[in-house]
Amino acid sequence: MTPRSLLILALAAALTTACGEPVRDYLAEHRELATAQLHRVARVREIMRALPPAEWPTMRDPGPLAICDLVIPPHRDAGCDTWVIDQAQLDNPRAFLDPPPLVAYGQADWLVFTTSLLETGRYPPNARYPDGDEPDRLTRPITYAFSWLLSLRFLIVVRTDELVPPRLADDQKSYSAGSFRGEAVLFSLRPEPTALGSVPFSHAMVGDVKVRMHRGRINAAQLDKAFADGVRQALAEALVARLSELERPAAPTR
């Protein structure tokens, strides 16, 4: 072996050490707990598919929870242990959805990452990580995805009952308003997935929506975002109201 080849091998070994833990070792370390969590999520998926709408008009008290990417005082504490996820996301744990669901907080990414990595040791084929592009060193998206999965204690699944998206007029200078009606079902995952109740919520676009315009025309992407933001805000308000007035055991009498 030439001195140049030896130098290249030495540099490669140094870079390998510097780049952190190999993905295969990380997966081996986290496989058991992560797989158990994915099995619980899969069980929630089965329950949701068989669950009639509005089966539980009230919600049992889950205790303190921290909803990922959704601040609901006083239930927000350190960390993040509760996902809010569309049923459409829940039903497709191996594929990114296009277009994305209305109530999207990034959990589709984490489900895709963790499911694919545990099953194949690779990222799923998609626009950002094309087929064949396999990371061999640990990267931040992987640690984030598994951290979210392993911290999961509760799951809030949003089911769409009626959806009328906003529609631009042909001249793109006006639009017809959109509306949404659905429910959010709260699940406790441990020790076994259990539905704790649901909360209905709805949103209807009213008045003028502030969106960017170009030469007097409405930006379609901005209109869709304004509608999605309204649905998420309606969900947040419904959860705040319901979680503030949860069914709790009666105080013991003296």
C-alpha atoms as a PDB file:
ATOM      1  CA  MET A   1       0.000   0.000   0.000  1.00  0.00           C
ATOM      2  CA  THR A   2       1.417   3.392  -0.980  1.00  0.00           C
ATOM      3  CA  PRO A   3       2.006   6.203   1.537  1.00  0.00           C
ATOM      4  CA  ARG A   4      -0.755   8.174  -0.222  1.00  0.00           C
ATOM      5  CA  SER A   5      -3.217   5.306   0.276  1.00  0.00           C
ATOM      6  CA  LEU A   6      -2.247   5.020   3.929  1.00  0.00           C
ATOM      7  CA  LEU A   7      -2.787   8.754   4.377  1.00  0.00           C
ATOM      8  CA  ILE A   8      -6.230   8.566   2.771  1.00  0.00           C
ATOM      9  CA  LEU A   9      -7.228   5.662   5.037  1.00  0.00           C
ATOM     10  CA  ALA A  10      -5.972   7.528   8.108  1.00  0.00           C
ATOM     11  CA  LEU A  11      -7.929  10.656   7.167  1.00  0.00           C
ATOM     12  CA  ALA A  12     -11.039   8.582   6.497  1.00  0.00           C
ATOM     13  CA  ALA A  13     -10.747   6.906   9.898  1.00  0.00           C
ATOM     14  CA  ALA A  14     -10.305  10.283  11.602  1.00  0.00           C
ATOM     15  CA  LEU A  15     -13.338  11.728   9.827  1.00  0.00           C
ATOM     16  CA  THR A  16     -15.417   8.657  10.683  1.00  0.00           C
ATOM     17  CA  THR A  17     -14.566   9.058  14.345  1.00  0.00           C
ATOM     18  CA  ALA A  18     -15.251  12.796  14.247  1.00  0.00           C
ATOM     19  CA  CYS A  19     -18.604  12.462  12.516  1.00  0.00           C
ATOM     20  CA  GLY A  20     -20.196  10.640  15.430  1.00  0.00           C
ATOM     21  CA  GLU A  21     -22.009   7.379  15.989  1.00  0.00           C
ATOM     22  CA  PRO A  22     -22.911   5.200  12.994  1.00  0.00           C
ATOM     23  CA  VAL A  23     -26.607   5.049  12.217  1.00  0.00           C
ATOM     24  CA  ARG A  24     -26.660   1.256  12.455  1.00  0.00           C
ATOM     25  CA  ASP A  25     -25.272   1.400  16.011  1.00  0.00           C
ATOM     26  CA  TYR A  26     -27.737   4.106  17.013  1.00  0.00           C
ATOM     27  CA  LEU A  27     -30.637   2.082  15.600  1.00  0.00           C
ATOM     28  CA  ALA A  28     -29.489  -1.044  17.422  1.00  0.00           C
ATOM     29  CA  GLU A  29     -29.380   0.915  20.685  1.00  0.00           C
ATOM     30  CA  HIS A  30     -32.876   2.423  20.256  1.00  0.00           C
ATOM     31  CA  ARG A  31     -34.640  -0.278  18.256  1.00  0.00           C
ATOM     32  CA  GLU A  32     -36.493  -2.029  21.087  1.00  0.00           C
ATOM     33  CA  LEU A  33     -38.056   1.070  22.661  1.00  0.00           C
ATOM     34  CA  ALA A  34     -38.721   2.797  19.334  1.00  0.00           C
ATOM     35  CA  THR A  35     -40.352  -0.305  17.843  1.00  0.00           C
ATOM     36  CA  ALA A  36     -42.575  -0.648  20.911  1.00  0.00           C
ATOM     37  CA  GLN A  37     -43.672   2.968  20.483  1.00  0.00           C
ATOM     38  CA  LEU A  38     -44.427   2.481  16.801  1.00  0.00           C
ATOM     39  CA  HIS A  39     -46.524  -0.558  17.711  1.00  0.00           C
ATOM     40  CA  ARG A  40     -48.530   1.628  20.109  1.00  0.00           C
ATOM     41  CA  VAL A  41     -48.996   4.242  17.386  1.00  0.00           C
ATOM     42  CA  ALA A  42     -50.138   1.485  15.006  1.00  0.00           C
ATOM     43  CA  ARG A  43     -52.671   0.372  17.600  1.00  0.00           C
ATOM     44  CA  VAL A  44     -54.035   3.926  17.763  1.00  0.00           C
ATOM     45  CA  ARG A  45     -54.377   3.807  13.988  1.00  0.00           C
ATOM     46  CA  GLU A  46     -56.468   0.628  14.253  1.00  0.00           C
ATOM     47  CA  ILE A  47     -58.686   2.130  16.945  1.00  0.00           C
ATOM     48  CA  MET A  48     -59.250   5.327  14.951  1.00  0.00           C
ATOM     49  CA  ARG A  49     -60.277   3.406  11.854  1.00  0.00           C
ATOM     50  CA  ALA A  50     -62.949   1.549  13.843  1.00  0.00           C
ATOM     51  CA  LEU A  51     -64.041   4.485  15.997  1.00  0.00           C
ATOM     52  CA  PRO A  52     -67.403   6.113  15.208  1.00  0.00           C
ATOM     53  CA  PRO A  53     -67.312   9.934  15.114  1.00  0.00           C
ATOM     54  CA  ALA A  54     -67.969  11.748  18.381  1.00  0.00           C
ATOM     55  CA  GLU A  55     -67.918   8.519  20.376  1.00  0.00           C
ATOM     56  CA  TRP A  56     -66.755  10.375  23.507  1.00  0.00           C
ATOM     57  CA  PRO A  57     -68.309  13.831  23.881  1.00  0.00           C
ATOM     58  CA  THR A  58     -66.245  14.353  27.031  1.00  0.00           C
ATOM     59  CA  MET A  59     -62.580  13.884  27.814  1.00  0.00           C
ATOM     60  CA  ARG A  60     -60.949  12.257  30.822  1.00  0.00           C
ATOM     61  CA  ASP A  61     -58.115  14.026  32.586  1.00  0.00           C
ATOM     62  CA  PRO A  62     -54.741  12.810  31.245  1.00  0.00           C
ATOM     63  CA  GLY A  63     -52.771  14.766  33.822  1.00  0.00           C
ATOM     64  CA  PRO A  64     -49.997  17.177  32.779  1.00  0.00           C
ATOM     65  CA  LEU A  65     -49.106  17.000  29.108  1.00  0.00           C
ATOM     66  CA  ALA A  66     -46.895  19.020  26.780  1.00  0.00           C
ATOM     67  CA  ILE A  67     -48.267  19.333  23.258  1.00  0.00           C
ATOM     68  CA  CYS A  68     -45.564  19.479  20.618  1.00  0.00           C
ATOM     69  CA  ASP A  69     -45.499  22.796  18.749  1.00  0.00           C
ATOM     70  CA  LEU A  70     -48.759  23.907  20.336  1.00  0.00           C
ATOM     71  CA  VAL A  71     -48.595  25.990  23.497  1.00  0.00           C
ATOM     72  CA  ILE A  72     -51.598  25.393  25.748  1.00  0.00           C
ATOM     73  CA  PRO A  73     -51.079  26.906  29.203  1.00  0.00           C
ATOM     74  CA  PRO A  74     -51.131  25.657  31.892  1.00  0.00           C
ATOM     75  CA  HIS A  75     -50.596  22.207  30.357  1.00  0.00           C
ATOM     76  CA  ARG A  76     -47.329  23.118  28.675  1.00  0.00           C
ATOM     77  CA  ASP A  77     -44.318  22.033  30.694  1.00  0.00           C
ATOM     78  CA  ALA A  78     -40.706  21.230  29.915  1.00  0.00           C
ATOM     79  CA  GLY A  79     -40.184  18.919  26.980  1.00  0.00           C
ATOM     80  CA  CYS A  80     -42.738  17.544  24.583  1.00  0.00           C
ATOM     81  CA  ASP A  81     -44.737  14.370  25.102  1.00  0.00           C
ATOM     82  CA  THR A  82     -47.928  14.855  23.068  1.00  0.00           C
ATOM     83  CA  TRP A  83     -48.264  14.820  19.295  1.00  0.00           C
ATOM     84  CA  VAL A  84     -51.107  16.437  17.382  1.00  0.00           C
ATOM     85  CA  ILE A  85     -51.426  14.562  14.110  1.00  0.00           C
ATOM     86  CA  ASP A  86     -53.944  14.298  11.292  1.00  0.00           C
ATOM     87  CA  GLN A  87     -55.511  10.893  10.803  1.00  0.00           C
ATOM     88  CA  ALA A  88     -54.243  11.100   7.211  1.00  0.00           C
ATOM     89  CA  GLN A  89     -50.685  11.301   8.565  1.00  0.00           C
ATOM     90  CA  LEU A  90     -51.314   8.497  11.003  1.00  0.00           C
ATOM     91  CA  ASP A  91     -52.613   6.269   8.185  1.00  0.00           C
ATOM     92  CA  ASN A  92     -49.448   6.768   6.085  1.00  0.00           C
ATOM     93  CA  PRO A  93     -46.416   6.168   8.318  1.00  0.00           C
ATOM     94  CA  ARG A  94     -44.175   5.229   5.371  1.00  0.00           C
ATOM     95  CA  ALA A  95     -44.838   8.133   3.011  1.00  0.00           C
ATOM     96  CA  PHE A  96     -44.762  11.897   3.032  1.00  0.00           C
ATOM     97  CA  LEU A  97     -48.129  13.309   2.042  1.00  0.00           C
ATOM     98  CA  ASP A  98     -48.538  15.804  -0.781  1.00  0.00           C
ATOM     99  CA  PRO A  99     -50.369  18.051  -0.208  1.00  0.00           C
ATOM    100  CA  PRO A 100     -49.738  17.944   3.544  1.00  0.00           C
ATOM    101  CA  PRO A 101     -52.653  17.567   5.947  1.00  0.00           C
ATOM    102  CA  LEU A 102     -54.221  20.693   7.417  1.00  0.00           C
ATOM    103  CA  VAL A 103     -53.090  20.112  10.997  1.00  0.00           C
ATOM    104  CA  ALA A 104     -49.427  19.434  10.314  1.00  0.00           C
ATOM    105  CA  TYR A 105     -46.849  19.878  13.071  1.00  0.00           C
ATOM    106  CA  GLY A 106     -44.014  17.872  11.493  1.00  0.00           C
ATOM    107  CA  GLN A 107     -44.949  14.491  12.918  1.00  0.00           C
ATOM    108  CA  ALA A 108     -45.339  12.986   9.455  1.00  0.00           C
ATOM    109  CA  ASP A 109     -41.597  13.492   9.011  1.00  0.00           C
ATOM    110  CA  TRP A 110     -40.769  11.785  12.270  1.00  0.00           C
ATOM    111  CA  LEU A 111     -43.052   8.827  11.578  1.00  0.00           C
ATOM    112  CA  VAL A 112     -41.544   8.406   8.116  1.00  0.00           C
ATOM    113  CA  PHE A 113     -37.963   8.721   9.371  1.00  0.00           C
ATOM    114  CA  THR A 114     -38.314   6.318  12.282  1.00  0.00           C
ATOM    115  CA  THR A 115     -40.444   3.757  10.452  1.00  0.00           C
ATOM    116  CA  SER A 116     -38.132   3.637   7.447  1.00  0.00           C
ATOM    117  CA  LEU A 117     -34.911   3.614   9.451  1.00  0.00           C
ATOM    118  CA  LEU A 118     -36.071   0.807  11.727  1.00  0.00           C
ATOM    119  CA  GLU A 119     -37.347  -1.306   8.821  1.00  0.00           C
ATOM    120  CA  THR A 120     -34.616  -0.711   6.242  1.00  0.00           C
ATOM    121  CA  GLY A 121     -31.792   1.200   7.936  1.00  0.00           C
ATOM    122  CA  ARG A 122     -32.295   3.978   5.381  1.00  0.00           C
ATOM    123  CA  TYR A 123     -34.103   7.235   4.874  1.00  0.00           C
ATOM    124  CA  PRO A 124     -37.253   6.920   2.777  1.00  0.00           C
ATOM    125  CA  PRO A 125     -37.048   8.010  -0.852  1.00  0.00           C
ATOM    126  CA  ASN A 126     -38.377  11.544  -1.156  1.00  0.00           C
ATOM    127  CA  ALA A 127     -37.399  14.918  -2.512  1.00  0.00           C
ATOM    128  CA  ARG A 128     -34.944  15.727   0.261  1.00  0.00           C
ATOM    129  CA  TYR A 129     -33.367  12.289   0.612  1.00  0.00           C
ATOM    130  CA  PRO A 130     -33.509  10.638  -2.834  1.00  0.00           C
ATOM    131  CA  ASP A 131     -33.578   6.879  -3.213  1.00  0.00           C
ATOM    132  CA  GLY A 132     -30.073   5.507  -2.764  1.00  0.00           C
ATOM    133  CA  ASP A 133     -28.853   8.400  -0.621  1.00  0.00           C
ATOM    134  CA  GLU A 134     -28.146   6.503   2.586  1.00  0.00           C
ATOM    135  CA  PRO A 135     -26.588   8.334   5.556  1.00  0.00           C
ATOM    136  CA  ASP A 136     -23.991   6.232   7.351  1.00  0.00           C
ATOM    137  CA  ARG A 137     -23.303   8.699  10.200  1.00  0.00           C
ATOM    138  CA  LEU A 138     -25.730   9.941  12.806  1.00  0.00           C
ATOM    139  CA  THR A 139     -27.429  13.206  11.789  1.00  0.00           C
ATOM    140  CA  ARG A 140     -29.582  15.728  13.646  1.00  0.00           C
ATOM    141  CA  PRO A 141     -32.906  14.783  11.937  1.00  0.00           C
ATOM    142  CA  ILE A 142     -32.448  11.186  13.105  1.00  0.00           C
ATOM    143  CA  THR A 143     -31.826  12.132  16.723  1.00  0.00           C
ATOM    144  CA  TYR A 144     -34.752  14.574  16.671  1.00  0.00           C
ATOM    145  CA  ALA A 145     -37.080  11.988  15.162  1.00  0.00           C
ATOM    146  CA  PHE A 146     -36.226   9.281  17.679  1.00  0.00           C
ATOM    147  CA  SER A 147     -36.227  11.735  20.576  1.00  0.00           C
ATOM    148  CA  TRP A 148     -39.792  12.763  19.724  1.00  0.00           C
ATOM    149  CA  LEU A 149     -40.880   9.162  19.285  1.00  0.00           C
ATOM    150  CA  LEU A 150     -39.384   7.934  22.553  1.00  0.00           C
ATOM    151  CA  SER A 151     -40.812  10.854  24.570  1.00  0.00           C
ATOM    152  CA  LEU A 152     -44.346  10.270  23.287  1.00  0.00           C
ATOM    153  CA  ARG A 153     -46.934   9.676  26.046  1.00  0.00           C
ATOM    154  CA  PHE A 154     -50.117  11.025  24.448  1.00  0.00           C
ATOM    155  CA  LEU A 155     -51.405  11.315  20.892  1.00  0.00           C
ATOM    156  CA  ILE A 156     -54.118  13.706  19.675  1.00  0.00           C
ATOM    157  CA  VAL A 157     -55.518  12.486  16.367  1.00  0.00           C
ATOM    158  CA  VAL A 158     -57.488  14.962  14.251  1.00  0.00           C
ATOM    159  CA  ARG A 159     -60.259  13.459  12.155  1.00  0.00           C
ATOM    160  CA  THR A 160     -61.824  15.456   9.323  1.00  0.00           C
ATOM    161  CA  ASP A 161     -65.605  15.171   9.063  1.00  0.00           C
ATOM    162  CA  GLU A 162     -66.176  17.902   6.481  1.00  0.00           C
ATOM    163  CA  LEU A 163     -63.671  19.946   4.505  1.00  0.00           C
ATOM    164  CA  VAL A 164     -64.388  22.708   1.984  1.00  0.00           C
ATOM    165  CA  PRO A 165     -61.066  24.281   0.958  1.00  0.00           C
ATOM    166  CA  PRO A 166     -60.997  27.920  -0.189  1.00  0.00           C
ATOM    167  CA  ARG A 167     -61.087  28.367  -3.951  1.00  0.00           C
ATOM    168  CA  LEU A 168     -59.629  31.165  -6.024  1.00  0.00           C
ATOM    169  CA  ALA A 169     -61.758  32.754  -8.700  1.00  0.00           C
ATOM    170  CA  ASP A 170     -60.531  32.376 -12.267  1.00  0.00           C
ATOM    171  CA  ASP A 171     -59.206  35.950 -12.243  1.00  0.00           C
ATOM    172  CA  GLN A 172     -57.401  35.253  -8.925  1.00  0.00           C
ATOM    173  CA  LYS A 173     -58.761  38.522  -7.509  1.00  0.00           C
ATOM    174  CA  SER A 174     -61.344  36.966  -5.197  1.00  0.00           C
ATOM    175  CA  TYR A 175     -62.036  33.640  -3.532  1.00  0.00           C
ATOM    176  CA  SER A 176     -64.784  31.535  -2.019  1.00  0.00           C
ATOM    177  CA  ALA A 177     -64.342  30.935   1.708  1.00  0.00           C
ATOM    178  CA  GLY A 178     -63.289  27.560   3.082  1.00  0.00           C
ATOM    179  CA  SER A 179     -64.639  25.682   6.090  1.00  0.00           C
ATOM    180  CA  PHE A 180     -63.652  22.727   8.253  1.00  0.00           C
ATOM    181  CA  ARG A 181     -65.439  20.502  10.752  1.00  0.00           C
ATOM    182  CA  GLY A 182     -63.821  17.671  12.666  1.00  0.00           C
ATOM    183  CA  GLU A 183     -62.765  16.343  16.035  1.00  0.00           C
ATOM    184  CA  ALA A 184     -59.585  15.738  18.011  1.00  0.00           C
ATOM    185  CA  VAL A 185     -59.347  12.417  19.856  1.00  0.00           C
ATOM    186  CA  LEU A 186     -56.941  12.164  22.786  1.00  0.00           C
ATOM    187  CA  PHE A 187     -55.086   8.876  23.350  1.00  0.00           C
ATOM    188  CA  SER A 188     -52.896   7.766  26.214  1.00  0.00           C
ATOM    189  CA  LEU A 189     -50.252   5.358  24.876  1.00  0.00           C
ATOM    190  CA  ARG A 190     -49.004   3.639  28.010  1.00  0.00           C
ATOM    191  CA  PRO A 191     -49.193   0.957  29.178  1.00  0.00           C
ATOM    192  CA  GLU A 192     -51.617   0.244  26.294  1.00  0.00           C
ATOM    193  CA  PRO A 193     -53.222   2.750  23.897  1.00  0.00           C
ATOM    194  CA  THR A 194     -56.477   4.053  25.386  1.00  0.00           C
ATOM    195  CA  ALA A 195     -58.866   6.684  24.040  1.00  0.00           C
ATOM    196  CA  LEU A 196     -59.544   9.340  26.685  1.00  0.00           C
ATOM    197  CA  GLY A 197     -62.181  11.309  24.803  1.00  0.00           C
ATOM    198  CA  SER A 198     -62.653  13.767  21.990  1.00  0.00           C
ATOM    199  CA  VAL A 199     -63.356  17.431  21.353  1.00  0.00           C
ATOM    200  CA  PRO A 200     -65.206  18.692  18.263  1.00  0.00           C
ATOM    201  CA  PHE A 201     -64.043  21.872  16.559  1.00  0.00           C
ATOM    202  CA  SER A 202     -64.756  23.813  13.386  1.00  0.00           C
ATOM    203  CA  HIS A 203     -63.497  26.777  11.402  1.00  0.00           C
ATOM    204  CA  ALA A 204     -65.101  28.949   8.748  1.00  0.00           C
ATOM    205  CA  MET A 205     -63.271  31.729   6.933  1.00  0.00           C
ATOM    206  CA  VAL A 206     -64.982  35.071   7.489  1.00  0.00           C
ATOM    207  CA  GLY A 207     -64.086  38.536   6.302  1.00  0.00           C
ATOM    208  CA  ASP A 208     -61.011  39.341   4.272  1.00  0.00           C
ATOM    209  CA  VAL A 209     -57.991  37.113   4.725  1.00  0.00           C
ATOM    210  CA  LYS A 210     -54.677  38.922   4.774  1.00  0.00           C
ATOM    211  CA  VAL A 211     -52.610  37.317   2.036  1.00  0.00           C
ATOM    212  CA  ARG A 212     -49.828  38.523  -0.217  1.00  0.00           C
ATOM    213  CA  MET A 213     -50.959  39.747  -3.617  1.00  0.00           C
ATOM    214  CA  HIS A 214     -48.980  40.270  -6.806  1.00  0.00           C
ATOM    215  CA  ARG A 215     -50.310  42.730  -9.374  1.00  0.00           C
ATOM    216  CA  GLY A 216     -53.724  42.557  -7.813  1.00  0.00           C
ATOM    217  CA  ARG A 217     -53.865  38.749  -7.728  1.00  0.00           C
ATOM    218  CA  ILE A 218     -54.134  36.591  -4.635  1.00  0.00           C
ATOM    219  CA  ASN A 219     -51.278  34.221  -3.889  1.00  0.00           C
ATOM    220  CA  ALA A 220     -52.852  30.730  -3.841  1.00  0.00           C
ATOM    221  CA  ALA A 221     -50.268  29.288  -1.423  1.00  0.00           C
ATOM    222  CA  GLN A 222     -50.857  32.176   0.984  1.00  0.00           C
ATOM    223  CA  LEU A 223     -54.612  31.614   0.826  1.00  0.00           C
ATOM    224  CA  ASP A 224     -54.195  27.925   1.662  1.00  0.00           C
ATOM    225  CA  LYS A 225     -51.846  28.814   4.533  1.00  0.00           C
ATOM    226  CA  ALA A 226     -54.312  31.337   5.955  1.00  0.00           C
ATOM    227  CA  PHE A 227     -57.013  28.654   5.931  1.00  0.00           C
ATOM    228  CA  ALA A 228     -54.755  26.051   7.557  1.00  0.00           C
ATOM    229  CA  ASP A 229     -53.693  28.571  10.222  1.00  0.00           C
ATOM    230  CA  GLY A 230     -57.360  29.217  10.982  1.00  0.00           C
ATOM    231  CA  VAL A 231     -58.065  25.492  11.401  1.00  0.00           C
ATOM    232  CA  ARG A 232     -55.074  25.078  13.719  1.00  0.00           C
ATOM    233  CA  GLN A 233     -56.159  28.087  15.779  1.00  0.00           C
ATOM    234  CA  ALA A 234     -59.670  26.647  16.104  1.00  0.00           C
ATOM    235  CA  LEU A 235     -58.156  23.350  17.262  1.00  0.00           C
ATOM    236  CA  ALA A 236     -55.956  25.118  19.820  1.00  0.00           C
ATOM    237  CA  GLU A 237     -58.916  27.054  21.218  1.00  0.00           C
ATOM    238  CA  ALA A 238     -61.033  23.894  21.456  1.00  0.00           C
ATOM    239  CA  LEU A 239     -58.263  22.009  23.250  1.00  0.00           C
ATOM    240  CA  VAL A 240     -57.678  24.877  25.672  1.00  0.00           C
ATOM    241  CA  ALA A 241     -61.381  24.972  26.532  1.00  0.00           C
ATOM    242  CA  ARG A 242     -61.670  21.220  26.945  1.00  0.00           C
ATOM    243  CA  LEU A 243     -58.416  20.694  28.840  1.00  0.00           C
ATOM    244  CA  SER A 244     -59.350  23.518  31.218  1.00  0.00           C
ATOM    245  CA  GLU A 245     -62.602  21.796  32.192  1.00  0.00           C
ATOM    246  CA  LEU A 246     -61.658  18.129  32.251  1.00  0.00           C
ATOM    247  CA  GLU A 247     -63.591  15.472  34.073  1.00  0.00           C
ATOM    248  CA  ARG A 248     -61.773  14.869  37.334  1.00  0.00           C
ATOM    249  CA  PRO A 249     -62.570  12.571  40.221  1.00  0.00           C
ATOM    250  CA  ALA A 250     -64.724  14.226  42.834  1.00  0.00           C
ATOM    251  CA  ALA A 251     -62.837  15.457  45.880  1.00  0.00           C
ATOM    252  CA  PRO A 252     -63.162  13.059  48.814  1.00  0.00           C
ATOM    253  CA  THR A 253     -65.727  14.117  51.422  1.00  0.00           C
ATOM    254  CA  ARG A 254     -64.682  14.407  55.016  1.00  0.00           C
END
